[in-house]
Amino acid sequence: MIPTVFIVSLIVFFMIRTIPGTIVDVMVSQFEYASNLDREAIEHALGLDVPVMVQYGRWLGGIVLHGNLGISLWKNTPVVDQIKDRWPVTAELGLMGLLIAQLIALPIGIYSAIRQDSLGDYFSRSFAILCIAIPNFWLATMVIVFPSIWWGYSRPLIYINFLDNPIGNLSMVIIPAIILGMGMAGTTMRMMRTMMLEVLRQDYIRTVWAKGLRERVIVIRHALKNALIPVITIIGFQIPTVLGGTVIIENIFGLPGMGQLMINATVQRDYTVISSTLFLLAILMVVVNLLVDLAYGVLDPRVHYK
């Protein structure tokens, strides 16, 4: 995990600086009276007048030694404070989307496998392909545009905090979460069906069928745990999809989460905010993959870690 996180830190720090135009260019362009002297003064104030390797050492050293993600170059406020304000929105949207995806995908995938080649199976597979094929940004746009045209309805523009008004908050987040979850549900549904079919054809499943056990017992107790191992891997890989999807969905629905923070920071070339945010997301992904690996041993007793 440590080498992976270190390599990611190098990528996120240096790649953002390859984008044409610097934060100094953005700042100077907003002031017509700015001169070359002003530009040099800005670079010195922001700490950008030293070699890029020195900037990287200061940034990474602050994280490793002090747990300090740095100061926003644009707002001159701690990056931690900006993330604290934004991450609950993204976490709520992402977790709800992931939960909705599994609530849709797992039951339908299991049903599609145990009723192979039935009308319900054909409908389920078509629905899965539809979920995969429809871009969530297009669907989100349609959900906003058509209700406003047909019924004159538009979503609230001001975000409602969950602690202040849980019902109002859920009414704002549930539709974006469903749209976010639909794309993930299609992939998981297909994988769940494929793995259930493979497990149901194993010899030990035929044995329990021969013992006269009920279908529900066979599916839940004997087949499901073995079929879930590749599905858990898919769900783990969907975390980047959740994070990437929230960037788009948050901007379409006007949700003040990490997506908007990253978009604004990219436009403003706020290097510290972008690097620190992506670095935290990379750590989250590494931890999720570790938990996925550990889950194999829980689901399959044959898997051991030494």
C-alpha atoms as a PDB file:
ATOM      1  CA  MET A   1       0.000   0.000   0.000  1.00  0.00           C
ATOM      2  CA  ILE A   2       2.794   2.426   0.870  1.00  0.00           C
ATOM      3  CA  PRO A   3       4.563   2.328  -2.541  1.00  0.00           C
ATOM      4  CA  THR A   4       1.205   2.653  -4.292  1.00  0.00           C
ATOM      5  CA  VAL A   5       0.230   5.718  -2.276  1.00  0.00           C
ATOM      6  CA  PHE A   6       3.684   7.253  -2.842  1.00  0.00           C
ATOM      7  CA  ILE A   7       3.466   6.773  -6.620  1.00  0.00           C
ATOM      8  CA  VAL A   8      -0.050   8.224  -6.628  1.00  0.00           C
ATOM      9  CA  SER A   9       1.200  11.263  -4.723  1.00  0.00           C
ATOM     10  CA  LEU A  10       3.808  11.870  -7.430  1.00  0.00           C
ATOM     11  CA  ILE A  11       1.220  11.538 -10.196  1.00  0.00           C
ATOM     12  CA  VAL A  12      -1.417  13.805  -8.669  1.00  0.00           C
ATOM     13  CA  PHE A  13       1.138  16.458  -7.708  1.00  0.00           C
ATOM     14  CA  PHE A  14       2.980  16.729 -11.017  1.00  0.00           C
ATOM     15  CA  MET A  15       0.217  15.959 -13.529  1.00  0.00           C
ATOM     16  CA  ILE A  16      -1.957  18.886 -12.447  1.00  0.00           C
ATOM     17  CA  ARG A  17       0.972  21.192 -13.188  1.00  0.00           C
ATOM     18  CA  THR A  18       1.057  20.028 -16.808  1.00  0.00           C
ATOM     19  CA  ILE A  19      -2.298  21.719 -17.503  1.00  0.00           C
ATOM     20  CA  PRO A  20      -1.730  24.871 -19.592  1.00  0.00           C
ATOM     21  CA  GLY A  21      -2.005  28.005 -17.507  1.00  0.00           C
ATOM     22  CA  THR A  22      -1.015  28.386 -13.874  1.00  0.00           C
ATOM     23  CA  ILE A  23      -2.822  29.766 -10.871  1.00  0.00           C
ATOM     24  CA  VAL A  24      -0.712  32.900 -11.237  1.00  0.00           C
ATOM     25  CA  ASP A  25      -2.025  33.355 -14.809  1.00  0.00           C
ATOM     26  CA  VAL A  26      -5.595  33.049 -13.514  1.00  0.00           C
ATOM     27  CA  MET A  27      -5.002  35.564 -10.739  1.00  0.00           C
ATOM     28  CA  VAL A  28      -3.153  38.056 -12.933  1.00  0.00           C
ATOM     29  CA  SER A  29      -5.843  37.834 -15.638  1.00  0.00           C
ATOM     30  CA  GLN A  30      -8.424  39.106 -13.143  1.00  0.00           C
ATOM     31  CA  PHE A  31      -6.532  42.352 -12.550  1.00  0.00           C
ATOM     32  CA  GLU A  32      -5.940  44.563 -15.565  1.00  0.00           C
ATOM     33  CA  TYR A  33      -3.392  46.649 -13.702  1.00  0.00           C
ATOM     34  CA  ALA A  34      -1.184  43.630 -12.792  1.00  0.00           C
ATOM     35  CA  SER A  35       2.418  43.868 -13.972  1.00  0.00           C
ATOM     36  CA  ASN A  36       5.388  41.545 -14.091  1.00  0.00           C
ATOM     37  CA  LEU A  37       6.303  42.726 -10.605  1.00  0.00           C
ATOM     38  CA  ASP A  38       2.853  41.719  -9.381  1.00  0.00           C
ATOM     39  CA  ARG A  39       3.309  38.284 -10.936  1.00  0.00           C
ATOM     40  CA  GLU A  40       6.621  37.709  -9.182  1.00  0.00           C
ATOM     41  CA  ALA A  41       5.154  38.873  -5.896  1.00  0.00           C
ATOM     42  CA  ILE A  42       2.230  36.451  -6.281  1.00  0.00           C
ATOM     43  CA  GLU A  43       4.560  33.539  -7.046  1.00  0.00           C
ATOM     44  CA  HIS A  44       6.630  34.340  -3.960  1.00  0.00           C
ATOM     45  CA  ALA A  45       3.556  34.677  -1.737  1.00  0.00           C
ATOM     46  CA  LEU A  46       2.185  31.330  -2.928  1.00  0.00           C
ATOM     47  CA  GLY A  47       5.525  29.543  -2.610  1.00  0.00           C
ATOM     48  CA  LEU A  48       5.690  28.839  -6.340  1.00  0.00           C
ATOM     49  CA  ASP A  49       9.020  30.589  -6.868  1.00  0.00           C
ATOM     50  CA  VAL A  50      10.984  27.527  -5.739  1.00  0.00           C
ATOM     51  CA  PRO A  51      11.701  24.361  -7.782  1.00  0.00           C
ATOM     52  CA  VAL A  52       8.776  21.996  -8.170  1.00  0.00           C
ATOM     53  CA  MET A  53      10.586  19.221  -6.273  1.00  0.00           C
ATOM     54  CA  VAL A  54      10.901  21.533  -3.292  1.00  0.00           C
ATOM     55  CA  GLN A  55       7.179  22.265  -3.511  1.00  0.00           C
ATOM     56  CA  TYR A  56       6.478  18.520  -3.571  1.00  0.00           C
ATOM     57  CA  GLY A  57       8.711  17.931  -0.559  1.00  0.00           C
ATOM     58  CA  ARG A  58       6.963  20.648   1.437  1.00  0.00           C
ATOM     59  CA  TRP A  59       3.505  19.319   0.525  1.00  0.00           C
ATOM     60  CA  LEU A  60       4.248  15.646   1.212  1.00  0.00           C
ATOM     61  CA  GLY A  61       6.265  16.458   4.332  1.00  0.00           C
ATOM     62  CA  GLY A  62       3.359  18.419   5.752  1.00  0.00           C
ATOM     63  CA  ILE A  63       1.042  15.449   5.221  1.00  0.00           C
ATOM     64  CA  VAL A  64       3.379  12.764   6.550  1.00  0.00           C
ATOM     65  CA  LEU A  65       4.915  14.655   9.474  1.00  0.00           C
ATOM     66  CA  HIS A  66       2.058  16.881  10.595  1.00  0.00           C
ATOM     67  CA  GLY A  67      -1.099  15.514   8.943  1.00  0.00           C
ATOM     68  CA  ASN A  68      -1.479  18.899   7.282  1.00  0.00           C
ATOM     69  CA  LEU A  69      -3.008  18.868   3.797  1.00  0.00           C
ATOM     70  CA  GLY A  70      -1.810  22.385   3.142  1.00  0.00           C
ATOM     71  CA  ILE A  71      -3.359  25.780   2.524  1.00  0.00           C
ATOM     72  CA  SER A  72      -5.566  26.607  -0.442  1.00  0.00           C
ATOM     73  CA  LEU A  73      -3.605  28.815  -2.819  1.00  0.00           C
ATOM     74  CA  TRP A  74      -6.771  30.588  -3.896  1.00  0.00           C
ATOM     75  CA  LYS A  75      -8.701  31.089  -0.654  1.00  0.00           C
ATOM     76  CA  ASN A  76      -5.762  30.983   1.786  1.00  0.00           C
ATOM     77  CA  THR A  77      -7.724  28.629   4.058  1.00  0.00           C
ATOM     78  CA  PRO A  78      -6.771  25.107   5.215  1.00  0.00           C
ATOM     79  CA  VAL A  79      -7.691  22.423   2.702  1.00  0.00           C
ATOM     80  CA  VAL A  80      -8.960  20.285   5.586  1.00  0.00           C
ATOM     81  CA  ASP A  81     -11.648  22.861   6.350  1.00  0.00           C
ATOM     82  CA  GLN A  82     -12.875  22.858   2.744  1.00  0.00           C
ATOM     83  CA  ILE A  83     -12.978  19.056   2.661  1.00  0.00           C
ATOM     84  CA  LYS A  84     -14.837  18.924   5.990  1.00  0.00           C
ATOM     85  CA  ASP A  85     -17.558  21.129   4.549  1.00  0.00           C
ATOM     86  CA  ARG A  86     -17.863  19.133   1.318  1.00  0.00           C
ATOM     87  CA  TRP A  87     -17.244  15.456   2.031  1.00  0.00           C
ATOM     88  CA  PRO A  88     -20.546  14.720   3.871  1.00  0.00           C
ATOM     89  CA  VAL A  89     -22.482  15.585   0.695  1.00  0.00           C
ATOM     90  CA  THR A  90     -20.337  13.342  -1.499  1.00  0.00           C
ATOM     91  CA  ALA A  91     -20.304  10.548   1.081  1.00  0.00           C
ATOM     92  CA  GLU A  92     -24.093  10.605   1.389  1.00  0.00           C
ATOM     93  CA  LEU A  93     -24.621  10.648  -2.372  1.00  0.00           C
ATOM     94  CA  GLY A  94     -21.988   7.978  -3.039  1.00  0.00           C
ATOM     95  CA  LEU A  95     -23.102   5.601  -0.290  1.00  0.00           C
ATOM     96  CA  MET A  96     -26.751   5.950  -1.262  1.00  0.00           C
ATOM     97  CA  GLY A  97     -25.886   5.329  -4.913  1.00  0.00           C
ATOM     98  CA  LEU A  98     -23.816   2.268  -4.012  1.00  0.00           C
ATOM     99  CA  LEU A  99     -26.557   0.916  -1.742  1.00  0.00           C
ATOM    100  CA  ILE A 100     -29.268   1.464  -4.341  1.00  0.00           C
ATOM    101  CA  ALA A 101     -27.108  -0.259  -6.962  1.00  0.00           C
ATOM    102  CA  GLN A 102     -26.786  -3.385  -4.820  1.00  0.00           C
ATOM    103  CA  LEU A 103     -30.468  -3.367  -3.846  1.00  0.00           C
ATOM    104  CA  ILE A 104     -31.302  -3.377  -7.551  1.00  0.00           C
ATOM    105  CA  ALA A 105     -28.549  -5.652  -8.853  1.00  0.00           C
ATOM    106  CA  LEU A 106     -28.253  -8.518  -6.363  1.00  0.00           C
ATOM    107  CA  PRO A 107     -31.912  -9.628  -6.154  1.00  0.00           C
ATOM    108  CA  ILE A 108     -32.469  -9.253  -9.900  1.00  0.00           C
ATOM    109  CA  GLY A 109     -29.182 -11.012 -10.726  1.00  0.00           C
ATOM    110  CA  ILE A 110     -30.044 -13.933  -8.442  1.00  0.00           C
ATOM    111  CA  TYR A 111     -33.587 -14.193  -9.826  1.00  0.00           C
ATOM    112  CA  SER A 112     -32.279 -14.027 -13.396  1.00  0.00           C
ATOM    113  CA  ALA A 113     -29.895 -16.929 -12.712  1.00  0.00           C
ATOM    114  CA  ILE A 114     -32.369 -19.271 -11.015  1.00  0.00           C
ATOM    115  CA  ARG A 115     -34.964 -18.528 -13.733  1.00  0.00           C
ATOM    116  CA  GLN A 116     -32.551 -18.809 -16.645  1.00  0.00           C
ATOM    117  CA  ASP A 117     -34.016 -18.206 -20.132  1.00  0.00           C
ATOM    118  CA  SER A 118     -37.413 -17.292 -18.740  1.00  0.00           C
ATOM    119  CA  LEU A 119     -39.286 -14.112 -19.640  1.00  0.00           C
ATOM    120  CA  GLY A 120     -38.111 -12.549 -16.376  1.00  0.00           C
ATOM    121  CA  ASP A 121     -34.515 -13.444 -17.248  1.00  0.00           C
ATOM    122  CA  TYR A 122     -34.759 -11.783 -20.650  1.00  0.00           C
ATOM    123  CA  PHE A 123     -36.306  -8.683 -19.090  1.00  0.00           C
ATOM    124  CA  SER A 124     -33.634  -8.562 -16.382  1.00  0.00           C
ATOM    125  CA  ARG A 125     -30.756  -8.849 -18.862  1.00  0.00           C
ATOM    126  CA  SER A 126     -32.287  -6.157 -21.054  1.00  0.00           C
ATOM    127  CA  PHE A 127     -32.672  -3.893 -18.020  1.00  0.00           C
ATOM    128  CA  ALA A 128     -29.022  -4.486 -17.062  1.00  0.00           C
ATOM    129  CA  ILE A 129     -27.815  -3.583 -20.555  1.00  0.00           C
ATOM    130  CA  LEU A 130     -30.031  -0.485 -20.485  1.00  0.00           C
ATOM    131  CA  CYS A 131     -28.505   0.636 -17.169  1.00  0.00           C
ATOM    132  CA  ILE A 132     -25.004   0.212 -18.566  1.00  0.00           C
ATOM    133  CA  ALA A 133     -25.753   1.898 -21.894  1.00  0.00           C
ATOM    134  CA  ILE A 134     -27.495   5.075 -20.699  1.00  0.00           C
ATOM    135  CA  PRO A 135     -24.965   7.771 -19.664  1.00  0.00           C
ATOM    136  CA  ASN A 136     -25.816   9.027 -16.197  1.00  0.00           C
ATOM    137  CA  PHE A 137     -25.027  12.652 -17.088  1.00  0.00           C
ATOM    138  CA  TRP A 138     -27.590  12.524 -19.928  1.00  0.00           C
ATOM    139  CA  LEU A 139     -30.214  10.902 -17.718  1.00  0.00           C
ATOM    140  CA  ALA A 140     -29.570  13.457 -14.972  1.00  0.00           C
ATOM    141  CA  THR A 141     -29.996  16.304 -17.457  1.00  0.00           C
ATOM    142  CA  MET A 142     -33.278  14.845 -18.715  1.00  0.00           C
ATOM    143  CA  VAL A 143     -34.552  14.433 -15.158  1.00  0.00           C
ATOM    144  CA  ILE A 144     -33.963  18.137 -14.566  1.00  0.00           C
ATOM    145  CA  VAL A 145     -35.173  19.458 -17.933  1.00  0.00           C
ATOM    146  CA  PHE A 146     -38.402  17.544 -18.629  1.00  0.00           C
ATOM    147  CA  PRO A 147     -40.145  18.014 -15.244  1.00  0.00           C
ATOM    148  CA  SER A 148     -39.518  21.747 -15.544  1.00  0.00           C
ATOM    149  CA  ILE A 149     -41.039  21.764 -19.058  1.00  0.00           C
ATOM    150  CA  TRP A 150     -43.981  19.436 -18.412  1.00  0.00           C
ATOM    151  CA  TRP A 151     -44.972  20.331 -14.843  1.00  0.00           C
ATOM    152  CA  GLY A 152     -43.089  23.551 -14.123  1.00  0.00           C
ATOM    153  CA  TYR A 153     -41.153  21.845 -11.329  1.00  0.00           C
ATOM    154  CA  SER A 154     -37.570  22.712 -10.503  1.00  0.00           C
ATOM    155  CA  ARG A 155     -35.400  21.381  -7.697  1.00  0.00           C
ATOM    156  CA  PRO A 156     -34.473  23.583  -4.725  1.00  0.00           C
ATOM    157  CA  LEU A 157     -31.339  25.582  -5.441  1.00  0.00           C
ATOM    158  CA  ILE A 158     -30.174  25.763  -1.828  1.00  0.00           C
ATOM    159  CA  TYR A 159     -28.779  22.558  -0.350  1.00  0.00           C
ATOM    160  CA  ILE A 160     -30.653  21.255   2.681  1.00  0.00           C
ATOM    161  CA  ASN A 161     -28.482  19.792   5.419  1.00  0.00           C
ATOM    162  CA  PHE A 162     -29.496  16.344   6.640  1.00  0.00           C
ATOM    163  CA  LEU A 163     -29.342  17.317  10.317  1.00  0.00           C
ATOM    164  CA  ASP A 164     -31.531  20.364   9.725  1.00  0.00           C
ATOM    165  CA  ASN A 165     -34.207  18.640   7.640  1.00  0.00           C
ATOM    166  CA  PRO A 166     -33.743  14.898   6.949  1.00  0.00           C
ATOM    167  CA  ILE A 167     -36.826  14.615   4.734  1.00  0.00           C
ATOM    168  CA  GLY A 168     -35.896  17.644   2.671  1.00  0.00           C
ATOM    169  CA  ASN A 169     -32.323  16.423   2.347  1.00  0.00           C
ATOM    170  CA  LEU A 170     -33.357  12.960   1.165  1.00  0.00           C
ATOM    171  CA  SER A 171     -35.785  14.464  -1.335  1.00  0.00           C
ATOM    172  CA  MET A 172     -32.836  16.312  -2.882  1.00  0.00           C
ATOM    173  CA  VAL A 173     -30.382  13.402  -2.867  1.00  0.00           C
ATOM    174  CA  ILE A 174     -32.539  10.359  -3.671  1.00  0.00           C
ATOM    175  CA  ILE A 175     -32.966  11.070  -7.412  1.00  0.00           C
ATOM    176  CA  PRO A 176     -29.237  11.769  -8.024  1.00  0.00           C
ATOM    177  CA  ALA A 177     -28.412   8.641  -5.991  1.00  0.00           C
ATOM    178  CA  ILE A 178     -30.735   6.469  -8.102  1.00  0.00           C
ATOM    179  CA  ILE A 179     -29.214   7.811 -11.316  1.00  0.00           C
ATOM    180  CA  LEU A 180     -25.712   7.237  -9.954  1.00  0.00           C
ATOM    181  CA  GLY A 181     -26.602   3.707  -8.849  1.00  0.00           C
ATOM    182  CA  MET A 182     -28.233   2.602 -12.091  1.00  0.00           C
ATOM    183  CA  GLY A 183     -24.980   2.430 -14.058  1.00  0.00           C
ATOM    184  CA  MET A 184     -23.291   0.390 -11.339  1.00  0.00           C
ATOM    185  CA  ALA A 185     -26.351  -1.853 -10.963  1.00  0.00           C
ATOM    186  CA  GLY A 186     -26.148  -3.019 -14.567  1.00  0.00           C
ATOM    187  CA  THR A 187     -22.577  -4.296 -14.268  1.00  0.00           C
ATOM    188  CA  THR A 188     -23.156  -5.945 -10.885  1.00  0.00           C
ATOM    189  CA  MET A 189     -26.381  -7.527 -12.111  1.00  0.00           C
ATOM    190  CA  ARG A 190     -24.641  -9.177 -15.052  1.00  0.00           C
ATOM    191  CA  MET A 191     -21.800 -10.443 -12.887  1.00  0.00           C
ATOM    192  CA  MET A 192     -24.199 -11.739 -10.217  1.00  0.00           C
ATOM    193  CA  ARG A 193     -26.166 -13.697 -12.804  1.00  0.00           C
ATOM    194  CA  THR A 194     -23.037 -15.169 -14.404  1.00  0.00           C
ATOM    195  CA  MET A 195     -21.514 -16.288 -11.118  1.00  0.00           C
ATOM    196  CA  MET A 196     -24.774 -17.719  -9.790  1.00  0.00           C
ATOM    197  CA  LEU A 197     -25.189 -19.776 -12.945  1.00  0.00           C
ATOM    198  CA  GLU A 198     -21.626 -21.084 -12.594  1.00  0.00           C
ATOM    199  CA  VAL A 199     -22.117 -22.017  -8.935  1.00  0.00           C
ATOM    200  CA  LEU A 200     -25.539 -23.587  -9.488  1.00  0.00           C
ATOM    201  CA  ARG A 201     -23.957 -26.008 -11.985  1.00  0.00           C
ATOM    202  CA  GLN A 202     -21.410 -27.312  -9.466  1.00  0.00           C
ATOM    203  CA  ASP A 203     -21.616 -30.903  -8.227  1.00  0.00           C
ATOM    204  CA  TYR A 204     -22.207 -29.973  -4.584  1.00  0.00           C
ATOM    205  CA  ILE A 205     -25.271 -27.942  -5.607  1.00  0.00           C
ATOM    206  CA  ARG A 206     -26.654 -30.965  -7.433  1.00  0.00           C
ATOM    207  CA  THR A 207     -26.081 -32.948  -4.249  1.00  0.00           C
ATOM    208  CA  VAL A 208     -28.083 -30.579  -2.078  1.00  0.00           C
ATOM    209  CA  TRP A 209     -30.816 -30.550  -4.712  1.00  0.00           C
ATOM    210  CA  ALA A 210     -30.877 -34.339  -4.495  1.00  0.00           C
ATOM    211  CA  LYS A 211     -31.265 -34.112  -0.702  1.00  0.00           C
ATOM    212  CA  GLY A 212     -34.560 -32.317  -1.269  1.00  0.00           C
ATOM    213  CA  LEU A 213     -33.654 -28.962   0.259  1.00  0.00           C
ATOM    214  CA  ARG A 214     -35.814 -25.999  -0.618  1.00  0.00           C
ATOM    215  CA  GLU A 215     -34.688 -23.664  -3.372  1.00  0.00           C
ATOM    216  CA  ARG A 216     -34.376 -20.682  -1.022  1.00  0.00           C
ATOM    217  CA  VAL A 217     -32.084 -22.621   1.323  1.00  0.00           C
ATOM    218  CA  ILE A 218     -29.910 -23.829  -1.541  1.00  0.00           C
ATOM    219  CA  VAL A 219     -29.545 -20.373  -3.062  1.00  0.00           C
ATOM    220  CA  ILE A 220     -28.924 -18.408   0.147  1.00  0.00           C
ATOM    221  CA  ARG A 221     -26.979 -20.916   2.242  1.00  0.00           C
ATOM    222  CA  HIS A 222     -24.962 -22.840  -0.345  1.00  0.00           C
ATOM    223  CA  ALA A 223     -24.692 -20.872  -3.592  1.00  0.00           C
ATOM    224  CA  LEU A 224     -24.760 -17.194  -2.725  1.00  0.00           C
ATOM    225  CA  LYS A 225     -21.563 -16.925  -0.665  1.00  0.00           C
ATOM    226  CA  ASN A 226     -19.405 -18.548  -3.339  1.00  0.00           C
ATOM    227  CA  ALA A 227     -21.008 -16.470  -6.084  1.00  0.00           C
ATOM    228  CA  LEU A 228     -20.395 -13.240  -4.189  1.00  0.00           C
ATOM    229  CA  ILE A 229     -16.577 -13.371  -4.303  1.00  0.00           C
ATOM    230  CA  PRO A 230     -16.172 -11.911  -7.835  1.00  0.00           C
ATOM    231  CA  VAL A 231     -19.145  -9.631  -7.214  1.00  0.00           C
ATOM    232  CA  ILE A 232     -17.416  -8.146  -4.146  1.00  0.00           C
ATOM    233  CA  THR A 233     -14.431  -7.395  -6.374  1.00  0.00           C
ATOM    234  CA  ILE A 234     -16.680  -5.598  -8.857  1.00  0.00           C
ATOM    235  CA  ILE A 235     -18.265  -3.584  -6.058  1.00  0.00           C
ATOM    236  CA  GLY A 236     -14.807  -2.603  -4.814  1.00  0.00           C
ATOM    237  CA  PHE A 237     -13.849  -1.429  -8.287  1.00  0.00           C
ATOM    238  CA  GLN A 238     -17.038   0.623  -8.449  1.00  0.00           C
ATOM    239  CA  ILE A 239     -15.763   3.026  -5.787  1.00  0.00           C
ATOM    240  CA  PRO A 240     -13.865   5.096  -8.424  1.00  0.00           C
ATOM    241  CA  THR A 241     -17.064   5.065 -10.507  1.00  0.00           C
ATOM    242  CA  VAL A 242     -18.945   6.433  -7.515  1.00  0.00           C
ATOM    243  CA  LEU A 243     -16.368   9.177  -6.952  1.00  0.00           C
ATOM    244  CA  GLY A 244     -16.129  10.037 -10.643  1.00  0.00           C
ATOM    245  CA  GLY A 245     -19.886   9.951 -11.039  1.00  0.00           C
ATOM    246  CA  THR A 246     -20.460  12.276  -8.119  1.00  0.00           C
ATOM    247  CA  VAL A 247     -18.267  14.916  -9.764  1.00  0.00           C
ATOM    248  CA  ILE A 248     -20.676  15.027 -12.721  1.00  0.00           C
ATOM    249  CA  ILE A 249     -23.911  14.439 -10.819  1.00  0.00           C
ATOM    250  CA  GLU A 250     -23.105  17.036  -8.159  1.00  0.00           C
ATOM    251  CA  ASN A 251     -22.494  19.701 -10.784  1.00  0.00           C
ATOM    252  CA  ILE A 252     -25.680  18.872 -12.694  1.00  0.00           C
ATOM    253  CA  PHE A 253     -27.872  18.843  -9.580  1.00  0.00           C
ATOM    254  CA  GLY A 254     -26.027  21.683  -7.857  1.00  0.00           C
ATOM    255  CA  LEU A 255     -24.937  19.666  -4.820  1.00  0.00           C
ATOM    256  CA  PRO A 256     -22.057  21.315  -2.899  1.00  0.00           C
ATOM    257  CA  GLY A 257     -19.874  18.229  -2.542  1.00  0.00           C
ATOM    258  CA  MET A 258     -16.332  17.194  -3.369  1.00  0.00           C
ATOM    259  CA  GLY A 259     -17.179  17.176  -7.074  1.00  0.00           C
ATOM    260  CA  GLN A 260     -17.831  20.887  -7.159  1.00  0.00           C
ATOM    261  CA  LEU A 261     -14.762  21.490  -5.008  1.00  0.00           C
ATOM    262  CA  MET A 262     -12.539  19.614  -7.468  1.00  0.00           C
ATOM    263  CA  ILE A 263     -14.061  21.289 -10.531  1.00  0.00           C
ATOM    264  CA  ASN A 264     -13.636  24.771  -9.068  1.00  0.00           C
ATOM    265  CA  ALA A 265     -10.106  23.980  -7.916  1.00  0.00           C
ATOM    266  CA  THR A 266      -9.194  22.714 -11.393  1.00  0.00           C
ATOM    267  CA  VAL A 267     -10.568  25.816 -13.102  1.00  0.00           C
ATOM    268  CA  GLN A 268      -8.716  28.050 -10.633  1.00  0.00           C
ATOM    269  CA  ARG A 269      -5.553  25.871 -10.775  1.00  0.00           C
ATOM    270  CA  ASP A 270      -5.579  25.565  -6.987  1.00  0.00           C
ATOM    271  CA  TYR A 271      -2.829  22.941  -6.890  1.00  0.00           C
ATOM    272  CA  THR A 272      -2.934  22.273  -3.164  1.00  0.00           C
ATOM    273  CA  VAL A 273      -6.663  21.528  -3.100  1.00  0.00           C
ATOM    274  CA  ILE A 274      -6.515  19.269  -6.151  1.00  0.00           C
ATOM    275  CA  SER A 275      -3.431  17.328  -5.041  1.00  0.00           C
ATOM    276  CA  SER A 276      -4.615  16.852  -1.458  1.00  0.00           C
ATOM    277  CA  THR A 277      -8.148  15.824  -2.462  1.00  0.00           C
ATOM    278  CA  LEU A 278      -6.967  13.293  -5.031  1.00  0.00           C
ATOM    279  CA  PHE A 279      -4.371  12.006  -2.580  1.00  0.00           C
ATOM    280  CA  LEU A 280      -7.059  11.316   0.025  1.00  0.00           C
ATOM    281  CA  LEU A 281      -9.244   9.606  -2.572  1.00  0.00           C
ATOM    282  CA  ALA A 282      -6.294   7.438  -3.591  1.00  0.00           C
ATOM    283  CA  ILE A 283      -5.756   6.381   0.029  1.00  0.00           C
ATOM    284  CA  LEU A 284      -9.457   5.557   0.259  1.00  0.00           C
ATOM    285  CA  MET A 285      -9.207   3.375  -2.848  1.00  0.00           C
ATOM    286  CA  VAL A 286      -6.178   1.507  -1.514  1.00  0.00           C
ATOM    287  CA  VAL A 287      -7.971   0.825   1.772  1.00  0.00           C
ATOM    288  CA  VAL A 288     -11.109  -0.337  -0.061  1.00  0.00           C
ATOM    289  CA  ASN A 289      -9.081  -2.782  -2.141  1.00  0.00           C
ATOM    290  CA  LEU A 290      -7.474  -4.120   1.040  1.00  0.00           C
ATOM    291  CA  LEU A 291     -10.916  -4.645   2.592  1.00  0.00           C
ATOM    292  CA  VAL A 292     -12.068  -6.423  -0.567  1.00  0.00           C
ATOM    293  CA  ASP A 293      -9.113  -8.801  -0.338  1.00  0.00           C
ATOM    294  CA  LEU A 294      -9.859  -9.487   3.322  1.00  0.00           C
ATOM    295  CA  ALA A 295     -13.522 -10.121   2.499  1.00  0.00           C
ATOM    296  CA  TYR A 296     -12.502 -13.131   0.391  1.00  0.00           C
ATOM    297  CA  GLY A 297     -11.433 -14.969   3.529  1.00  0.00           C
ATOM    298  CA  VAL A 298     -14.771 -14.238   5.172  1.00  0.00           C
ATOM    299  CA  LEU A 299     -16.827 -15.458   2.234  1.00  0.00           C
ATOM    300  CA  ASP A 300     -14.697 -18.471   1.344  1.00  0.00           C
ATOM    301  CA  PRO A 301     -13.164 -20.532   4.178  1.00  0.00           C
ATOM    302  CA  ARG A 302     -10.662 -22.001   1.719  1.00  0.00           C
ATOM    303  CA  VAL A 303      -8.933 -18.613   1.460  1.00  0.00           C
ATOM    304  CA  HIS A 304      -6.262 -18.071   4.113  1.00  0.00           C
ATOM    305  CA  TYR A 305      -3.850 -15.195   4.705  1.00  0.00           C
ATOM    306  CA  LYS A 306      -0.470 -15.820   6.275  1.00  0.00           C
END
